[in-house]
Amino acid sequence: GIENKTAAIGIRVRRGVAFHGVALNVNPELFYYQGIVPCGIREYGVTSLQQLKITASKTKVDLALKKHFDLVFN
């Protein structure tokens, strides 16, 4: 099988201030990812939950992320 990224976590520190974010590809237009190298790893591309045949609305994904984030980091 082929491994591709469905999510990313980003952290940046600028002038002593931390910026962070989380992204999960639910159903994006994957065409726009063709011009980037995700996380600098050329061996892997980008995919989405939809492309993996996982049907979930963005609302359900948000609720699941919040629930599990709290379980892990609370």
PDB file of N, CA and C in Angstrom:
ATOM      1  N   GLY A   1       0.803  -1.183   0.000  1.00  0.00           N
ATOM      2  CA  GLY A   1       0.000   0.000   0.000  1.00  0.00           C
ATOM      3  C   GLY A   1       0.849   1.252   0.000  1.00  0.00           C
ATOM      4  N   ILE A   2       0.195   2.342  -0.209  1.00  0.00           N
ATOM      5  CA  ILE A   2       0.838   3.661  -0.233  1.00  0.00           C
ATOM      6  C   ILE A   2       0.447   4.409   1.036  1.00  0.00           C
ATOM      7  N   GLU A   3       1.411   5.052   1.639  1.00  0.00           N
ATOM      8  CA  GLU A   3       1.128   5.876   2.813  1.00  0.00           C
ATOM      9  C   GLU A   3       1.126   7.344   2.402  1.00  0.00           C
ATOM     10  N   ASN A   4       0.061   8.039   2.775  1.00  0.00           N
ATOM     11  CA  ASN A   4      -0.058   9.464   2.531  1.00  0.00           C
ATOM     12  C   ASN A   4      -0.556  10.143   3.790  1.00  0.00           C
ATOM     13  N   LYS A   5      -0.321  11.430   3.886  1.00  0.00           N
ATOM     14  CA  LYS A   5      -0.710  12.189   5.081  1.00  0.00           C
ATOM     15  C   LYS A   5      -2.175  12.616   5.012  1.00  0.00           C
ATOM     16  N   THR A   6      -2.869  12.424   6.118  1.00  0.00           N
ATOM     17  CA  THR A   6      -4.239  12.934   6.231  1.00  0.00           C
ATOM     18  C   THR A   6      -4.314  14.112   7.192  1.00  0.00           C
ATOM     19  N   ALA A   7      -3.251  14.333   7.974  1.00  0.00           N
ATOM     20  CA  ALA A   7      -3.289  15.387   8.988  1.00  0.00           C
ATOM     21  C   ALA A   7      -1.907  15.988   9.189  1.00  0.00           C
ATOM     22  N   ALA A   8      -1.893  17.160   9.827  1.00  0.00           N
ATOM     23  CA  ALA A   8      -0.630  17.830  10.143  1.00  0.00           C
ATOM     24  C   ALA A   8      -0.781  18.648  11.416  1.00  0.00           C
ATOM     25  N   ILE A   9       0.297  18.741  12.143  1.00  0.00           N
ATOM     26  CA  ILE A   9       0.367  19.596  13.328  1.00  0.00           C
ATOM     27  C   ILE A   9       1.514  20.563  13.091  1.00  0.00           C
ATOM     28  N   GLY A  10       1.254  21.833  13.288  1.00  0.00           N
ATOM     29  CA  GLY A  10       2.295  22.832  13.053  1.00  0.00           C
ATOM     30  C   GLY A  10       2.548  23.673  14.284  1.00  0.00           C
ATOM     31  N   ILE A  11       3.828  23.959  14.506  1.00  0.00           N
ATOM     32  CA  ILE A  11       4.239  24.817  15.622  1.00  0.00           C
ATOM     33  C   ILE A  11       5.288  25.790  15.098  1.00  0.00           C
ATOM     34  N   ARG A  12       5.136  27.051  15.461  1.00  0.00           N
ATOM     35  CA  ARG A  12       6.113  28.070  15.082  1.00  0.00           C
ATOM     36  C   ARG A  12       6.304  28.999  16.269  1.00  0.00           C
ATOM     37  N   VAL A  13       7.542  29.355  16.534  1.00  0.00           N
ATOM     38  CA  VAL A  13       7.835  30.318  17.594  1.00  0.00           C
ATOM     39  C   VAL A  13       8.488  31.522  16.935  1.00  0.00           C
ATOM     40  N   ARG A  14       7.897  32.694  17.175  1.00  0.00           N
ATOM     41  CA  ARG A  14       8.423  33.922  16.592  1.00  0.00           C
ATOM     42  C   ARG A  14       8.449  34.989  17.677  1.00  0.00           C
ATOM     43  N   ARG A  15       9.632  35.498  17.935  1.00  0.00           N
ATOM     44  CA  ARG A  15       9.830  36.538  18.951  1.00  0.00           C
ATOM     45  C   ARG A  15       9.238  36.131  20.300  1.00  0.00           C
ATOM     46  N   GLY A  16       9.440  34.874  20.636  1.00  0.00           N
ATOM     47  CA  GLY A  16       8.996  34.385  21.935  1.00  0.00           C
ATOM     48  C   GLY A  16       7.517  34.054  22.034  1.00  0.00           C
ATOM     49  N   VAL A  17       6.800  34.102  20.906  1.00  0.00           N
ATOM     50  CA  VAL A  17       5.383  33.777  20.893  1.00  0.00           C
ATOM     51  C   VAL A  17       5.185  32.494  20.084  1.00  0.00           C
ATOM     52  N   ALA A  18       4.473  31.533  20.672  1.00  0.00           N
ATOM     53  CA  ALA A  18       4.234  30.267  20.001  1.00  0.00           C
ATOM     54  C   ALA A  18       2.910  30.311  19.239  1.00  0.00           C
ATOM     55  N   PHE A  19       2.955  29.860  18.005  1.00  0.00           N
ATOM     56  CA  PHE A  19       1.774  29.704  17.171  1.00  0.00           C
ATOM     57  C   PHE A  19       1.631  28.217  16.888  1.00  0.00           C
ATOM     58  N   HIS A  20       0.428  27.715  16.892  1.00  0.00           N
ATOM     59  CA  HIS A  20       0.245  26.289  16.647  1.00  0.00           C
ATOM     60  C   HIS A  20      -1.077  26.050  15.930  1.00  0.00           C
ATOM     61  N   GLY A  21      -1.161  24.883  15.300  1.00  0.00           N
ATOM     62  CA  GLY A  21      -2.386  24.544  14.587  1.00  0.00           C
ATOM     63  C   GLY A  21      -2.434  23.063  14.272  1.00  0.00           C
ATOM     64  N   VAL A  22      -3.637  22.604  14.002  1.00  0.00           N
ATOM     65  CA  VAL A  22      -3.876  21.220  13.627  1.00  0.00           C
ATOM     66  C   VAL A  22      -4.752  21.233  12.381  1.00  0.00           C
ATOM     67  N   ALA A  23      -4.429  20.386  11.430  1.00  0.00           N
ATOM     68  CA  ALA A  23      -5.240  20.270  10.220  1.00  0.00           C
ATOM     69  C   ALA A  23      -5.514  18.798   9.937  1.00  0.00           C
ATOM     70  N   LEU A  24      -6.762  18.510   9.601  1.00  0.00           N
ATOM     71  CA  LEU A  24      -7.162  17.156   9.220  1.00  0.00           C
ATOM     72  C   LEU A  24      -7.915  17.270   7.902  1.00  0.00           C
ATOM     73  N   ASN A  25      -7.457  16.558   6.912  1.00  0.00           N
ATOM     74  CA  ASN A  25      -8.061  16.631   5.584  1.00  0.00           C
ATOM     75  C   ASN A  25      -9.309  15.756   5.525  1.00  0.00           C
ATOM     76  N   VAL A  26     -10.469  16.400   5.654  1.00  0.00           N
ATOM     77  CA  VAL A  26     -11.734  15.674   5.592  1.00  0.00           C
ATOM     78  C   VAL A  26     -12.149  15.515   4.129  1.00  0.00           C
ATOM     79  N   ASN A  27     -12.279  16.623   3.422  1.00  0.00           N
ATOM     80  CA  ASN A  27     -12.719  16.579   2.028  1.00  0.00           C
ATOM     81  C   ASN A  27     -12.196  17.789   1.252  1.00  0.00           C
ATOM     82  N   PRO A  28     -10.869  18.000   1.241  1.00  0.00           N
ATOM     83  CA  PRO A  28     -10.345  19.161   0.509  1.00  0.00           C
ATOM     84  C   PRO A  28     -10.182  18.850  -0.972  1.00  0.00           C
ATOM     85  N   GLU A  29      -9.951  19.882  -1.747  1.00  0.00           N
ATOM     86  CA  GLU A  29      -9.615  19.720  -3.159  1.00  0.00           C
ATOM     87  C   GLU A  29      -8.119  19.375  -3.208  1.00  0.00           C
ATOM     88  N   LEU A  30      -7.799  18.108  -3.386  1.00  0.00           N
ATOM     89  CA  LEU A  30      -6.408  17.642  -3.291  1.00  0.00           C
ATOM     90  C   LEU A  30      -5.523  18.146  -4.423  1.00  0.00           C
ATOM     91  N   PHE A  31      -6.101  18.659  -5.485  1.00  0.00           N
ATOM     92  CA  PHE A  31      -5.330  19.217  -6.591  1.00  0.00           C
ATOM     93  C   PHE A  31      -4.333  20.265  -6.098  1.00  0.00           C
ATOM     94  N   TYR A  32      -4.744  21.078  -5.137  1.00  0.00           N
ATOM     95  CA  TYR A  32      -3.902  22.179  -4.659  1.00  0.00           C
ATOM     96  C   TYR A  32      -2.689  21.695  -3.871  1.00  0.00           C
ATOM     97  N   TYR A  33      -2.667  20.463  -3.454  1.00  0.00           N
ATOM     98  CA  TYR A  33      -1.536  19.916  -2.708  1.00  0.00           C
ATOM     99  C   TYR A  33      -0.431  19.388  -3.619  1.00  0.00           C
ATOM    100  N   GLN A  34      -0.666  19.335  -4.905  1.00  0.00           N
ATOM    101  CA  GLN A  34       0.325  18.784  -5.835  1.00  0.00           C
ATOM    102  C   GLN A  34       1.605  19.603  -5.882  1.00  0.00           C
ATOM    103  N   GLY A  35       1.531  20.874  -5.556  1.00  0.00           N
ATOM    104  CA  GLY A  35       2.695  21.738  -5.641  1.00  0.00           C
ATOM    105  C   GLY A  35       3.482  21.879  -4.358  1.00  0.00           C
ATOM    106  N   ILE A  36       3.160  21.095  -3.328  1.00  0.00           N
ATOM    107  CA  ILE A  36       3.877  21.209  -2.056  1.00  0.00           C
ATOM    108  C   ILE A  36       4.466  19.860  -1.654  1.00  0.00           C
ATOM    109  N   VAL A  37       5.469  19.916  -0.792  1.00  0.00           N
ATOM    110  CA  VAL A  37       6.051  18.717  -0.195  1.00  0.00           C
ATOM    111  C   VAL A  37       5.640  18.727   1.268  1.00  0.00           C
ATOM    112  N   PRO A  38       4.654  17.894   1.641  1.00  0.00           N
ATOM    113  CA  PRO A  38       4.136  17.938   3.007  1.00  0.00           C
ATOM    114  C   PRO A  38       5.207  17.630   4.043  1.00  0.00           C
ATOM    115  N   CYS A  39       5.405  18.566   4.931  1.00  0.00           N
ATOM    116  CA  CYS A  39       6.387  18.440   6.028  1.00  0.00           C
ATOM    117  C   CYS A  39       7.788  18.118   5.525  1.00  0.00           C
ATOM    118  N   GLY A  40       8.066  18.455   4.283  1.00  0.00           N
ATOM    119  CA  GLY A  40       9.391  18.201   3.729  1.00  0.00           C
ATOM    120  C   GLY A  40       9.685  16.733   3.451  1.00  0.00           C
ATOM    121  N   ILE A  41       8.674  15.892   3.460  1.00  0.00           N
ATOM    122  CA  ILE A  41       8.863  14.448   3.236  1.00  0.00           C
ATOM    123  C   ILE A  41       8.384  14.110   1.826  1.00  0.00           C
ATOM    124  N   ARG A  42       9.312  13.947   0.924  1.00  0.00           N
ATOM    125  CA  ARG A  42       8.978  13.723  -0.486  1.00  0.00           C
ATOM    126  C   ARG A  42       8.379  12.343  -0.754  1.00  0.00           C
ATOM    127  N   GLU A  43       8.623  11.384   0.105  1.00  0.00           N
ATOM    128  CA  GLU A  43       8.172  10.015  -0.126  1.00  0.00           C
ATOM    129  C   GLU A  43       6.661   9.849   0.039  1.00  0.00           C
ATOM    130  N   TYR A  44       6.004  10.812   0.684  1.00  0.00           N
ATOM    131  CA  TYR A  44       4.585  10.685   0.967  1.00  0.00           C
ATOM    132  C   TYR A  44       3.815  11.860   0.411  1.00  0.00           C
ATOM    133  N   GLY A  45       2.626  11.590  -0.041  1.00  0.00           N
ATOM    134  CA  GLY A  45       1.758  12.639  -0.562  1.00  0.00           C
ATOM    135  C   GLY A  45       0.697  13.016   0.464  1.00  0.00           C
ATOM    136  N   VAL A  46      -0.392  13.572  -0.025  1.00  0.00           N
ATOM    137  CA  VAL A  46      -1.490  14.020   0.828  1.00  0.00           C
ATOM    138  C   VAL A  46      -2.760  13.302   0.380  1.00  0.00           C
ATOM    139  N   THR A  47      -3.563  12.904   1.335  1.00  0.00           N
ATOM    140  CA  THR A  47      -4.850  12.283   1.044  1.00  0.00           C
ATOM    141  C   THR A  47      -5.910  12.886   1.955  1.00  0.00           C
ATOM    142  N   SER A  48      -7.100  12.358   1.902  1.00  0.00           N
ATOM    143  CA  SER A  48      -8.196  12.860   2.728  1.00  0.00           C
ATOM    144  C   SER A  48      -9.019  11.686   3.240  1.00  0.00           C
ATOM    145  N   LEU A  49      -9.849  11.974   4.228  1.00  0.00           N
ATOM    146  CA  LEU A  49     -10.742  10.934   4.727  1.00  0.00           C
ATOM    147  C   LEU A  49     -11.673  10.460   3.611  1.00  0.00           C
ATOM    148  N   GLN A  50     -12.168  11.402   2.812  1.00  0.00           N
ATOM    149  CA  GLN A  50     -13.057  11.035   1.714  1.00  0.00           C
ATOM    150  C   GLN A  50     -12.366  10.096   0.728  1.00  0.00           C
ATOM    151  N   GLN A  51     -11.126  10.405   0.378  1.00  0.00           N
ATOM    152  CA  GLN A  51     -10.401   9.569  -0.578  1.00  0.00           C
ATOM    153  C   GLN A  51     -10.142   8.175   0.000  1.00  0.00           C
ATOM    154  N   LEU A  52     -10.060   8.070   1.313  1.00  0.00           N
ATOM    155  CA  LEU A  52      -9.878   6.783   1.975  1.00  0.00           C
ATOM    156  C   LEU A  52     -11.203   6.073   2.232  1.00  0.00           C
ATOM    157  N   LYS A  53     -12.272   6.639   1.676  1.00  0.00           N
ATOM    158  CA  LYS A  53     -13.620   6.066   1.803  1.00  0.00           C
ATOM    159  C   LYS A  53     -14.150   6.093   3.234  1.00  0.00           C
ATOM    160  N   ILE A  54     -13.690   7.075   4.017  1.00  0.00           N
ATOM    161  CA  ILE A  54     -14.203   7.282   5.372  1.00  0.00           C
ATOM    162  C   ILE A  54     -15.216   8.416   5.282  1.00  0.00           C
ATOM    163  N   THR A  55     -16.478   8.080   5.487  1.00  0.00           N
ATOM    164  CA  THR A  55     -17.526   9.094   5.365  1.00  0.00           C
ATOM    165  C   THR A  55     -17.836   9.674   6.734  1.00  0.00           C
ATOM    166  N   ALA A  56     -17.543  10.929   6.864  1.00  0.00           N
ATOM    167  CA  ALA A  56     -17.823  11.646   8.110  1.00  0.00           C
ATOM    168  C   ALA A  56     -17.959  13.122   7.763  1.00  0.00           C
ATOM    169  N   SER A  57     -18.937  13.753   8.367  1.00  0.00           N
ATOM    170  CA  SER A  57     -19.106  15.184   8.138  1.00  0.00           C
ATOM    171  C   SER A  57     -18.035  15.944   8.917  1.00  0.00           C
ATOM    172  N   LYS A  58     -17.791  17.173   8.520  1.00  0.00           N
ATOM    173  CA  LYS A  58     -16.818  17.999   9.236  1.00  0.00           C
ATOM    174  C   LYS A  58     -17.259  18.206  10.683  1.00  0.00           C
ATOM    175  N   THR A  59     -18.559  18.292  10.910  1.00  0.00           N
ATOM    176  CA  THR A  59     -19.062  18.454  12.276  1.00  0.00           C
ATOM    177  C   THR A  59     -18.736  17.227  13.127  1.00  0.00           C
ATOM    178  N   LYS A  60     -18.955  16.031  12.589  1.00  0.00           N
ATOM    179  CA  LYS A  60     -18.643  14.811  13.337  1.00  0.00           C
ATOM    180  C   LYS A  60     -17.143  14.671  13.586  1.00  0.00           C
ATOM    181  N   VAL A  61     -16.344  15.062  12.610  1.00  0.00           N
ATOM    182  CA  VAL A  61     -14.886  15.012  12.782  1.00  0.00           C
ATOM    183  C   VAL A  61     -14.463  15.987  13.877  1.00  0.00           C
ATOM    184  N   ASP A  62     -15.021  17.203  13.868  1.00  0.00           N
ATOM    185  CA  ASP A  62     -14.714  18.194  14.917  1.00  0.00           C
ATOM    186  C   ASP A  62     -15.047  17.646  16.306  1.00  0.00           C
ATOM    187  N   LEU A  63     -16.234  17.052  16.447  1.00  0.00           N
ATOM    188  CA  LEU A  63     -16.639  16.508  17.743  1.00  0.00           C
ATOM    189  C   LEU A  63     -15.712  15.387  18.195  1.00  0.00           C
ATOM    190  N   ALA A  64     -15.326  14.518  17.285  1.00  0.00           N
ATOM    191  CA  ALA A  64     -14.417  13.413  17.629  1.00  0.00           C
ATOM    192  C   ALA A  64     -13.046  13.945  18.028  1.00  0.00           C
ATOM    193  N   LEU A  65     -12.535  14.948  17.287  1.00  0.00           N
ATOM    194  CA  LEU A  65     -11.235  15.531  17.627  1.00  0.00           C
ATOM    195  C   LEU A  65     -11.267  16.178  19.007  1.00  0.00           C
ATOM    196  N   LYS A  66     -12.307  16.930  19.288  1.00  0.00           N
ATOM    197  CA  LYS A  66     -12.420  17.586  20.599  1.00  0.00           C
ATOM    198  C   LYS A  66     -12.474  16.570  21.724  1.00  0.00           C
ATOM    199  N   LYS A  67     -13.274  15.528  21.542  1.00  0.00           N
ATOM    200  CA  LYS A  67     -13.412  14.492  22.573  1.00  0.00           C
ATOM    201  C   LYS A  67     -12.079  13.817  22.856  1.00  0.00           C
ATOM    202  N   HIS A  68     -11.398  13.387  21.799  1.00  0.00           N
ATOM    203  CA  HIS A  68     -10.143  12.654  21.996  1.00  0.00           C
ATOM    204  C   HIS A  68      -8.995  13.563  22.412  1.00  0.00           C
ATOM    205  N   PHE A  69      -9.018  14.809  21.968  1.00  0.00           N
ATOM    206  CA  PHE A  69      -8.005  15.758  22.396  1.00  0.00           C
ATOM    207  C   PHE A  69      -8.089  15.944  23.908  1.00  0.00           C
ATOM    208  N   ASP A  70      -9.305  16.133  24.394  1.00  0.00           N
ATOM    209  CA  ASP A  70      -9.502  16.284  25.846  1.00  0.00           C
ATOM    210  C   ASP A  70      -9.062  15.032  26.602  1.00  0.00           C
ATOM    211  N   LEU A  71      -9.360  13.851  26.074  1.00  0.00           N
ATOM    212  CA  LEU A  71      -8.981  12.600  26.730  1.00  0.00           C
ATOM    213  C   LEU A  71      -7.458  12.455  26.820  1.00  0.00           C
ATOM    214  N   VAL A  72      -6.772  12.877  25.778  1.00  0.00           N
ATOM    215  CA  VAL A  72      -5.312  12.719  25.722  1.00  0.00           C
ATOM    216  C   VAL A  72      -4.594  13.816  26.501  1.00  0.00           C
ATOM    217  N   PHE A  73      -5.047  15.060  26.365  1.00  0.00           N
ATOM    218  CA  PHE A  73      -4.283  16.189  26.908  1.00  0.00           C
ATOM    219  C   PHE A  73      -4.872  16.820  28.168  1.00  0.00           C
ATOM    220  N   ASN A  74      -5.978  16.336  28.662  1.00  0.00           N
ATOM    221  CA  ASN A  74      -6.582  16.941  29.840  1.00  0.00           C
ATOM    222  C   ASN A  74      -5.915  16.438  31.110  1.00  0.00           C
TER     223      ASN A  74
END
